[in-house]
Amino acid sequence: MKRLGLFLALAAIGAPAVGAREARSAPAPATEVSAEEFAKLKNDFERLVQRFEDLAAENARLREAQAQDRAAVASIQEKRESAGWTENIRVKGDFRYRYENKDVDLPGRSDRNRQRVRARPAIIARLPARTEVGFGLATGGADPVSSNQTLGDGGSSKGIVLDLAYVKWQPLDDLYLVAGKFKNEMQRTGGHGLLWDSDWRPEGLELLYRRGIFFGNALGTWLEADGSSGSGEIFAWGAQGGVDLPVGEGLKLKAGLSYYDIPVQGENCLFDAGDCFGNSTDVNGNYLFDFEEFNAFAELGFSVLDLPAKFFVDYVKNDAASANDSGYALGLKLGKAKQQGSWEAGYVYQDLEADAVLGLLTDSDFAGGGTDAKGHKLSAAYALTDAGKVKLTYFATERQDSNGVENGGKPYDVDTLQLDFSWKYK
């Protein structure tokens, strides 16, 4: 009907007027429209009307689609609200069962066989404004570098301790700030614990930076905050930076430098006042040196027979010590026991002098823990499932006894065999 009305209006304007026969002999006025021109004008007008109608239909379809989208968003929001806090909470953790045999070649020492478990559940909450809060528990006791719990003692109840309690905030796309008791994010080259045991949870502040091939980390931690052990406040800090980049076909290099400042000279041995875990002590049994640790590390990733592989080197030197002040580790790993049926094998050689690093925080398994030891670590693992694996590790190490407190200054062997069954969940 709209088209008919418009057409009639156009015809009334452009068609010849009634009585035109009488005026045939007169010249046509300049405004008269020919039949051909009128037909063309009519066709153009019809096309324009059709275009308007198409646009109106398209607009109606868009409005309907927007209404459907709004309804879908409202439905999702309603489901989230009905689900409550569970949408932003996840549970993660791991469990490990270990058989361990340790042979210490000292007079009066016999082999030690232990059955041990480690369980570390954690609750992670994602909050608005790119914020994460974590809370985790672990088996074990107060040892800062071990969550292992030895079984036995008549099946007695075992201890549960605080493992994680932190907030993690991301103010910028490449920057993270962490506060509380948290996982140590400083690089452990090759996954080896030359400087840090993997179980150590710093207490303080951590700054993480990741952008492209570059990374940087900074750590500030209170090793002693209230003087309860007889020491004053001990605040340690460290910083590191490096690159993680491809260097050729199938090759990837991660390398960097670190510095750590741990001011403990003259202080009581941390955690255990009678044991500085290989570090030198003065006549009062206190730390003889501070630890101003310069650390350089590199890790090269490549492939062998379509298997992932990596070679790493880690070096540290304590600038505050006058002797026995350096250490290094070299390692090679082939394969990765991650998906069911996959496997891995590894080898590490380590030589860590007495005052190269703070003995309390280094690998607690190598030579029984602490510094002043050298030797070999061999391991092999097989993934039983995508979440679980079995791993066999053997340490053939020698403690140097540089301070003469265990074997009159004579080196002695410490050999350790570990069989682990472990599972992760998240």
Protein backbone atom coordinates (compact mmCIF):
# COMPACT_ATOMS: atom_id res chain seq x y z
CA MET A 1 0.00 0.00 0.00
CA LYS A 2 2.89 2.34 0.74
CA ARG A 3 4.33 1.66 -2.69
CA LEU A 4 0.90 2.31 -4.36
CA GLY A 5 0.46 5.63 -2.55
CA LEU A 6 3.93 6.83 -3.47
CA PHE A 7 3.45 5.72 -7.06
CA LEU A 8 0.10 7.58 -7.38
CA ALA A 9 1.66 10.70 -5.91
CA LEU A 10 4.53 10.50 -8.36
CA ALA A 11 2.11 9.90 -11.25
CA ALA A 12 0.07 12.94 -10.23
CA ILE A 13 3.17 15.11 -10.35
CA GLY A 14 4.86 13.80 -13.46
CA ALA A 15 1.92 12.58 -15.73
CA PRO A 16 0.45 14.84 -18.46
CA ALA A 17 -2.47 16.96 -17.16
CA VAL A 18 -6.13 16.51 -18.24
CA GLY A 19 -6.90 18.61 -21.33
CA ALA A 20 -3.51 18.18 -22.83
CA ARG A 21 -5.14 17.51 -26.27
CA GLU A 22 -6.12 21.16 -26.55
CA ALA A 23 -2.55 22.20 -25.90
CA ARG A 24 -0.90 19.84 -28.40
CA SER A 25 -0.22 22.59 -30.78
CA ALA A 26 1.55 24.71 -28.13
CA PRO A 27 5.26 24.22 -27.34
CA ALA A 28 5.95 21.82 -24.39
CA PRO A 29 6.97 23.61 -21.26
CA ALA A 30 10.57 23.09 -20.02
CA THR A 31 9.37 21.27 -16.89
CA GLU A 32 7.40 18.57 -18.72
CA VAL A 33 8.73 15.00 -18.03
CA SER A 34 8.78 12.55 -20.93
CA ALA A 35 7.26 9.09 -20.61
CA GLU A 36 10.71 7.50 -20.81
CA GLU A 37 12.09 9.73 -18.10
CA PHE A 38 9.04 9.12 -15.96
CA ALA A 39 9.45 5.34 -16.26
CA LYS A 40 13.11 5.60 -15.26
CA LEU A 41 12.25 7.83 -12.32
CA LYS A 42 9.56 5.39 -11.25
CA ASN A 43 12.01 2.44 -11.38
CA ASP A 44 14.60 4.36 -9.36
CA PHE A 45 12.02 5.26 -6.79
CA GLU A 46 10.85 1.63 -6.48
CA ARG A 47 14.43 0.48 -5.94
CA LEU A 48 14.86 3.12 -3.23
CA VAL A 49 11.69 2.02 -1.50
CA GLN A 50 12.87 -1.63 -1.67
CA ARG A 51 16.19 -0.62 -0.11
CA PHE A 52 14.40 1.12 2.75
CA GLU A 53 12.28 -1.96 3.36
CA ASP A 54 15.40 -4.22 3.35
CA LEU A 55 17.12 -1.95 5.89
CA ALA A 56 14.06 -1.97 8.10
CA ALA A 57 13.99 -5.80 8.03
CA GLU A 58 17.73 -6.00 8.81
CA ASN A 59 17.30 -3.59 11.70
CA ALA A 60 14.51 -5.77 13.09
CA ARG A 61 16.74 -8.86 12.86
CA LEU A 62 19.60 -7.06 14.67
CA ARG A 63 17.28 -5.95 17.44
CA GLU A 64 16.07 -9.50 17.89
CA ALA A 65 19.67 -10.83 17.99
CA GLN A 66 20.64 -8.20 20.59
CA ALA A 67 17.67 -9.16 22.71
CA GLN A 68 18.73 -12.82 22.52
CA ASP A 69 22.33 -11.90 23.49
CA ARG A 70 21.10 -9.89 26.49
CA ALA A 71 18.97 -12.81 27.57
CA ALA A 72 21.94 -15.21 27.24
CA VAL A 73 24.22 -12.91 29.30
CA ALA A 74 21.53 -12.55 31.94
CA SER A 75 21.15 -16.34 32.05
CA ILE A 76 24.91 -16.86 32.50
CA GLN A 77 25.05 -14.21 35.22
CA GLU A 78 22.10 -15.82 36.96
CA LYS A 79 23.82 -19.22 36.85
CA ARG A 80 27.03 -17.72 38.25
CA GLU A 81 25.16 -16.04 41.05
CA SER A 82 23.28 -19.22 41.84
CA ALA A 83 26.55 -21.23 41.81
CA GLY A 84 27.98 -18.82 44.40
CA TRP A 85 31.59 -18.82 45.51
CA THR A 86 32.42 -22.21 43.94
CA GLU A 87 32.85 -20.60 40.50
CA ASN A 88 35.92 -18.68 41.74
CA ILE A 89 37.43 -21.36 43.96
CA ARG A 90 39.64 -24.26 42.93
CA VAL A 91 41.41 -26.95 44.91
CA LYS A 92 44.88 -28.14 43.91
CA GLY A 93 47.68 -30.11 45.48
CA ASP A 94 49.72 -33.29 45.44
CA PHE A 95 50.33 -36.50 47.33
CA ARG A 96 53.50 -38.58 47.48
CA TYR A 97 54.36 -41.90 49.09
CA ARG A 98 58.11 -42.52 49.50
CA TYR A 99 60.34 -45.39 50.50
CA GLU A 100 63.80 -44.13 51.48
CA ASN A 101 67.02 -45.94 52.34
CA LYS A 102 69.97 -43.88 53.62
CA ASP A 103 73.47 -45.25 54.22
CA VAL A 104 75.78 -42.88 56.13
CA ASP A 105 79.39 -44.13 56.32
CA LEU A 106 80.17 -43.03 59.86
CA PRO A 107 81.14 -45.19 62.85
CA GLY A 108 78.09 -46.37 64.74
CA ARG A 109 75.67 -45.46 61.92
CA SER A 110 73.50 -48.12 60.31
CA ASP A 111 71.24 -47.97 57.28
CA ARG A 112 68.06 -46.02 57.82
CA ASN A 113 64.87 -47.22 56.12
CA ARG A 114 61.83 -44.94 56.20
CA GLN A 115 58.30 -44.91 54.82
CA ARG A 116 57.25 -41.30 54.30
CA VAL A 117 54.26 -39.40 52.96
CA ARG A 118 53.78 -35.85 51.77
CA ALA A 119 50.39 -34.24 51.14
CA ARG A 120 49.88 -30.58 50.21
CA PRO A 121 46.28 -29.49 49.53
CA ALA A 122 45.59 -25.84 48.74
CA ILE A 123 42.54 -23.66 48.09
CA ILE A 124 42.96 -20.89 45.52
CA ALA A 125 40.38 -18.08 45.21
CA ARG A 126 40.21 -15.77 42.19
CA LEU A 127 38.89 -12.35 43.15
CA PRO A 128 38.03 -9.21 41.14
CA ALA A 129 40.73 -6.74 40.09
CA ARG A 130 43.10 -9.55 39.00
CA THR A 131 43.66 -10.75 42.57
CA GLU A 132 44.29 -14.27 43.86
CA VAL A 133 44.28 -15.50 47.46
CA GLY A 134 45.74 -18.86 48.42
CA PHE A 135 45.67 -21.02 51.54
CA GLY A 136 47.44 -24.37 51.83
CA LEU A 137 48.27 -27.02 54.39
CA ALA A 138 50.96 -29.69 54.39
CA THR A 139 52.07 -32.76 56.28
CA GLY A 140 55.23 -32.66 58.33
CA GLY A 141 56.49 -30.37 61.04
CA ALA A 142 58.38 -27.10 61.37
CA ASP A 143 61.22 -28.00 58.96
CA PRO A 144 61.29 -25.13 56.42
CA VAL A 145 62.57 -27.35 53.58
CA SER A 146 60.59 -30.56 54.01
CA SER A 147 56.91 -31.50 54.11
CA ASN A 148 57.71 -35.20 54.54
CA GLN A 149 56.05 -37.09 57.37
CA THR A 150 57.74 -40.30 58.52
CA LEU A 151 55.30 -43.11 59.24
CA GLY A 152 55.47 -45.29 62.33
CA ASP A 153 55.42 -44.53 66.06
CA GLY A 154 52.59 -46.99 66.55
CA GLY A 155 50.39 -45.34 63.96
CA SER A 156 50.25 -42.09 65.92
CA SER A 157 48.45 -39.03 64.54
CA LYS A 158 50.68 -36.90 62.36
CA GLY A 159 51.21 -33.17 62.18
CA ILE A 160 49.59 -30.71 59.76
CA VAL A 161 51.21 -27.30 59.24
CA LEU A 162 50.60 -24.05 57.34
CA ASP A 163 52.19 -24.31 53.91
CA LEU A 164 50.69 -21.35 52.01
CA ALA A 165 48.91 -18.14 53.00
CA TYR A 166 49.27 -15.39 50.40
CA VAL A 167 47.67 -12.77 48.21
CA LYS A 168 48.79 -12.29 44.60
CA TRP A 169 47.87 -9.11 42.74
CA GLN A 170 48.44 -8.27 39.08
CA PRO A 171 48.49 -4.45 38.78
CA LEU A 172 49.84 -4.58 35.21
CA ASP A 173 49.73 -7.19 32.44
CA ASP A 174 53.39 -8.10 32.99
CA LEU A 175 53.74 -7.55 36.73
CA TYR A 176 52.71 -9.56 39.81
CA LEU A 177 53.05 -8.71 43.49
CA VAL A 178 52.83 -11.47 46.12
CA ALA A 179 52.69 -11.10 49.90
CA GLY A 180 52.49 -13.62 52.75
CA LYS A 181 53.84 -17.18 52.77
CA PHE A 182 54.12 -18.33 49.18
CA LYS A 183 55.80 -20.58 46.64
CA ASN A 184 59.34 -19.52 45.79
CA GLU A 185 59.38 -18.26 42.18
CA MET A 186 63.12 -17.57 41.97
CA GLN A 187 64.58 -19.71 39.19
CA ARG A 188 65.71 -23.20 40.19
CA THR A 189 67.73 -24.07 37.10
CA GLY A 190 66.90 -27.50 35.75
CA GLY A 191 64.56 -27.97 38.71
CA HIS A 192 67.64 -28.62 40.87
CA GLY A 193 68.07 -27.26 44.39
CA LEU A 194 71.60 -25.85 44.44
CA LEU A 195 70.38 -22.73 46.27
CA TRP A 196 66.77 -23.53 47.20
CA ASP A 197 64.90 -26.66 48.16
CA SER A 198 61.60 -26.92 46.27
CA ASP A 199 59.66 -27.22 49.56
CA TRP A 200 60.87 -23.86 50.93
CA ARG A 201 58.09 -21.28 51.23
CA PRO A 202 59.44 -17.73 51.68
CA GLU A 203 57.65 -15.37 54.06
CA GLY A 204 57.52 -11.76 52.98
CA LEU A 205 57.14 -10.12 49.57
CA GLU A 206 57.78 -11.26 46.01
CA LEU A 207 57.73 -9.30 42.75
CA LEU A 208 57.45 -11.12 39.40
CA TYR A 209 57.91 -9.63 35.94
CA ARG A 210 57.32 -11.39 32.61
CA ARG A 211 57.42 -9.67 29.23
CA GLY A 212 58.24 -11.42 25.98
CA ILE A 213 61.61 -13.12 26.29
CA PHE A 214 62.52 -11.23 29.49
CA PHE A 215 61.84 -12.16 33.11
CA GLY A 216 62.73 -10.65 36.44
CA ASN A 217 62.08 -11.64 40.06
CA ALA A 218 62.67 -9.93 43.37
CA LEU A 219 62.28 -11.45 46.82
CA GLY A 220 62.27 -10.03 50.32
CA THR A 221 61.86 -12.51 53.17
CA TRP A 222 62.02 -12.39 56.95
CA LEU A 223 64.16 -15.30 58.11
CA GLU A 224 63.76 -14.03 61.66
CA ALA A 225 61.14 -11.45 62.52
CA ASP A 226 60.57 -11.44 66.28
CA GLY A 227 63.83 -12.60 67.82
CA SER A 228 62.26 -15.71 69.36
CA SER A 229 65.36 -17.79 68.57
CA GLY A 230 67.69 -15.35 70.29
CA SER A 231 68.52 -13.52 67.06
CA GLY A 232 67.40 -10.09 66.03
CA GLU A 233 65.35 -9.35 62.94
CA ILE A 234 66.92 -10.96 59.86
CA PHE A 235 65.66 -9.73 56.52
CA ALA A 236 67.11 -11.33 53.38
CA TRP A 237 66.54 -10.14 49.83
CA GLY A 238 67.42 -11.14 46.31
CA ALA A 239 66.87 -10.19 42.70
CA GLN A 240 67.37 -11.91 39.39
CA GLY A 241 66.83 -11.24 35.72
CA GLY A 242 67.28 -13.11 32.50
CA VAL A 243 65.99 -14.17 29.12
CA ASP A 244 64.03 -17.14 27.84
CA LEU A 245 64.34 -17.28 24.06
CA PRO A 246 64.73 -19.50 21.00
CA VAL A 247 68.30 -19.60 19.70
CA GLY A 248 67.93 -21.91 16.70
CA GLU A 249 65.80 -24.60 15.20
CA GLY A 250 64.50 -26.72 18.08
CA LEU A 251 66.74 -24.91 20.62
CA LYS A 252 65.62 -22.76 23.53
CA LEU A 253 67.86 -20.95 26.02
CA LYS A 254 67.01 -19.70 29.49
CA ALA A 255 69.81 -17.79 31.19
CA GLY A 256 70.21 -15.17 33.88
CA LEU A 257 72.01 -13.67 36.84
CA SER A 258 70.98 -13.42 40.50
CA TYR A 259 72.18 -11.75 43.67
CA TYR A 260 71.11 -12.60 47.23
CA ASP A 261 71.95 -10.81 50.47
CA ILE A 262 71.46 -12.86 53.67
CA PRO A 263 72.92 -11.01 56.71
CA VAL A 264 73.40 -13.69 59.38
CA GLN A 265 77.02 -13.24 60.53
CA GLY A 266 77.15 -13.63 64.33
CA GLU A 267 73.54 -14.82 64.51
CA ASN A 268 72.33 -18.12 65.94
CA CYS A 269 71.86 -20.95 63.45
CA LEU A 270 68.41 -20.57 61.94
CA PHE A 271 65.74 -23.18 62.73
CA ASP A 272 68.13 -25.36 64.76
CA ALA A 273 70.46 -23.40 67.05
CA GLY A 274 72.85 -26.34 67.24
CA ASP A 275 73.12 -27.03 63.49
CA CYS A 276 74.03 -24.57 60.73
CA PHE A 277 73.66 -27.29 58.05
CA GLY A 278 77.27 -27.29 56.87
CA ASN A 279 77.97 -23.55 57.19
CA SER A 280 81.01 -22.43 59.19
CA THR A 281 80.43 -21.21 62.75
CA ASP A 282 82.40 -19.12 65.25
CA VAL A 283 83.45 -20.23 68.73
CA ASN A 284 79.92 -19.55 70.00
CA GLY A 285 78.32 -21.73 67.36
CA ASN A 286 76.95 -18.77 65.39
CA TYR A 287 77.27 -18.10 61.67
CA LEU A 288 80.83 -17.10 60.79
CA PHE A 289 79.91 -15.31 57.54
CA ASP A 290 77.15 -13.42 55.86
CA PHE A 291 75.93 -14.69 52.49
CA GLU A 292 76.34 -12.33 49.54
CA GLU A 293 75.59 -14.82 46.81
CA PHE A 294 76.26 -14.15 43.13
CA ASN A 295 74.51 -16.73 40.97
CA ALA A 296 74.73 -17.39 37.21
CA PHE A 297 72.60 -20.00 35.50
CA ALA A 298 71.77 -21.29 32.03
CA GLU A 299 69.49 -23.99 30.67
CA LEU A 300 69.42 -25.20 27.06
CA GLY A 301 66.34 -27.04 25.79
CA PHE A 302 66.51 -29.27 22.73
CA SER A 303 65.18 -32.61 21.49
CA VAL A 304 66.72 -36.05 21.04
CA LEU A 305 64.86 -38.72 19.02
CA ASP A 306 61.68 -36.60 19.31
CA LEU A 307 62.05 -36.49 23.09
CA PRO A 308 62.40 -33.20 25.01
CA ALA A 309 65.80 -32.75 26.61
CA LYS A 310 67.66 -30.09 28.55
CA PHE A 311 71.16 -29.39 29.78
CA PHE A 312 71.77 -26.93 32.61
CA VAL A 313 74.59 -25.33 34.56
CA ASP A 314 74.22 -23.44 37.85
CA TYR A 315 77.04 -21.55 39.61
CA VAL A 316 77.14 -19.62 42.89
CA LYS A 317 79.82 -17.71 44.82
CA ASN A 318 79.55 -16.14 48.28
CA ASP A 319 81.46 -12.87 48.24
CA ALA A 320 81.29 -12.56 52.04
CA ALA A 321 83.20 -15.78 52.82
CA SER A 322 86.99 -16.07 52.88
CA ALA A 323 87.15 -19.76 51.84
CA ASN A 324 84.93 -22.66 50.76
CA ASP A 325 82.81 -20.02 49.07
CA SER A 326 81.56 -21.47 45.76
CA GLY A 327 79.46 -24.24 44.28
CA TYR A 328 78.09 -25.50 41.02
CA ALA A 329 75.78 -28.11 39.49
CA LEU A 330 75.70 -29.63 36.00
CA GLY A 331 72.74 -31.64 34.81
CA LEU A 332 71.12 -33.40 31.87
CA LYS A 333 67.52 -34.54 31.54
CA LEU A 334 65.90 -36.58 28.75
CA GLY A 335 62.15 -37.03 28.30
CA LYS A 336 59.28 -35.81 30.47
CA ALA A 337 57.03 -38.08 32.55
CA LYS A 338 53.83 -36.07 32.17
CA GLN A 339 51.29 -37.93 30.05
CA GLN A 340 50.47 -41.58 30.67
CA GLY A 341 53.18 -43.86 29.26
CA SER A 342 55.83 -41.13 28.97
CA TRP A 343 59.13 -41.30 30.83
CA GLU A 344 62.20 -39.29 31.82
CA ALA A 345 65.74 -39.83 33.04
CA GLY A 346 68.20 -37.40 34.57
CA TYR A 347 71.73 -36.96 35.88
CA VAL A 348 73.23 -34.18 38.04
CA TYR A 349 76.70 -33.61 39.43
CA GLN A 350 76.98 -31.10 42.28
CA ASP A 351 79.84 -29.67 44.30
CA LEU A 352 78.72 -27.21 46.98
CA GLU A 353 81.34 -25.87 49.40
CA ALA A 354 80.57 -25.15 53.04
CA ASP A 355 79.89 -21.42 52.82
CA ALA A 356 78.71 -21.02 49.24
CA VAL A 357 75.03 -20.69 50.21
CA LEU A 358 72.89 -20.69 53.34
CA GLY A 359 72.86 -24.39 54.23
CA LEU A 360 69.38 -24.36 55.75
CA LEU A 361 67.65 -23.63 52.43
CA THR A 362 69.53 -25.81 49.94
CA ASP A 363 68.32 -29.24 48.73
CA SER A 364 67.41 -31.30 51.82
CA ASP A 365 67.93 -34.65 50.02
CA PHE A 366 71.39 -34.19 48.50
CA ALA A 367 73.94 -35.74 50.92
CA GLY A 368 71.36 -35.49 53.70
CA GLY A 369 70.85 -31.76 53.24
CA GLY A 370 72.95 -28.64 53.71
CA THR A 371 76.26 -27.62 52.15
CA ASP A 372 79.80 -29.02 52.20
CA ALA A 373 79.12 -32.00 49.94
CA LYS A 374 79.64 -33.21 46.40
CA GLY A 375 78.48 -36.13 44.31
CA HIS A 376 76.01 -37.55 41.83
CA LYS A 377 72.25 -37.72 41.50
CA LEU A 378 70.59 -40.18 39.09
CA SER A 379 66.86 -40.41 38.52
CA ALA A 380 64.25 -42.07 36.29
CA ALA A 381 60.46 -41.66 36.23
CA TYR A 382 57.49 -43.17 34.41
CA ALA A 383 53.97 -41.68 34.14
CA LEU A 384 51.45 -44.26 35.36
CA THR A 385 48.58 -41.91 34.46
CA ASP A 386 48.29 -38.30 33.32
CA ALA A 387 48.27 -37.31 36.99
CA GLY A 388 50.48 -39.93 38.65
CA LYS A 389 54.02 -41.24 38.23
CA VAL A 390 56.62 -43.48 39.83
CA LYS A 391 60.17 -42.17 40.27
CA LEU A 392 63.44 -43.76 41.39
CA THR A 393 66.28 -41.50 42.60
CA TYR A 394 69.76 -42.42 43.80
CA PHE A 395 72.25 -40.04 45.45
CA ALA A 396 75.91 -41.11 45.57
CA THR A 397 77.44 -38.26 47.57
CA GLU A 398 80.35 -37.40 49.84
CA ARG A 399 80.25 -34.96 52.74
CA GLN A 400 83.54 -33.07 53.13
CA ASP A 401 83.32 -32.20 56.84
CA SER A 402 85.42 -29.10 56.23
CA ASN A 403 84.59 -27.78 59.70
CA GLY A 404 85.62 -31.05 61.39
CA VAL A 405 82.46 -31.41 63.43
CA GLU A 406 81.26 -34.81 62.18
CA ASN A 407 84.23 -36.99 61.24
CA GLY A 408 87.32 -35.14 62.38
CA GLY A 409 87.62 -33.28 59.09
CA LYS A 410 87.62 -36.45 57.00
CA PRO A 411 85.13 -36.90 54.12
CA TYR A 412 82.54 -39.67 54.38
CA ASP A 413 79.93 -41.13 52.03
CA VAL A 414 76.18 -40.60 52.18
CA ASP A 415 74.22 -42.78 49.75
CA THR A 416 70.44 -42.40 49.48
CA LEU A 417 67.83 -44.36 47.52
CA GLN A 418 64.29 -43.01 47.10
CA LEU A 419 61.28 -44.67 45.47
CA ASP A 420 58.34 -42.27 45.02
CA PHE A 421 54.73 -42.72 43.95
CA SER A 422 53.14 -39.33 43.44
CA TRP A 423 49.92 -37.75 42.14
CA LYS A 424 48.90 -34.16 41.38
CA TYR A 425 45.44 -32.67 41.19
CA LYS A 426 44.13 -29.23 40.21
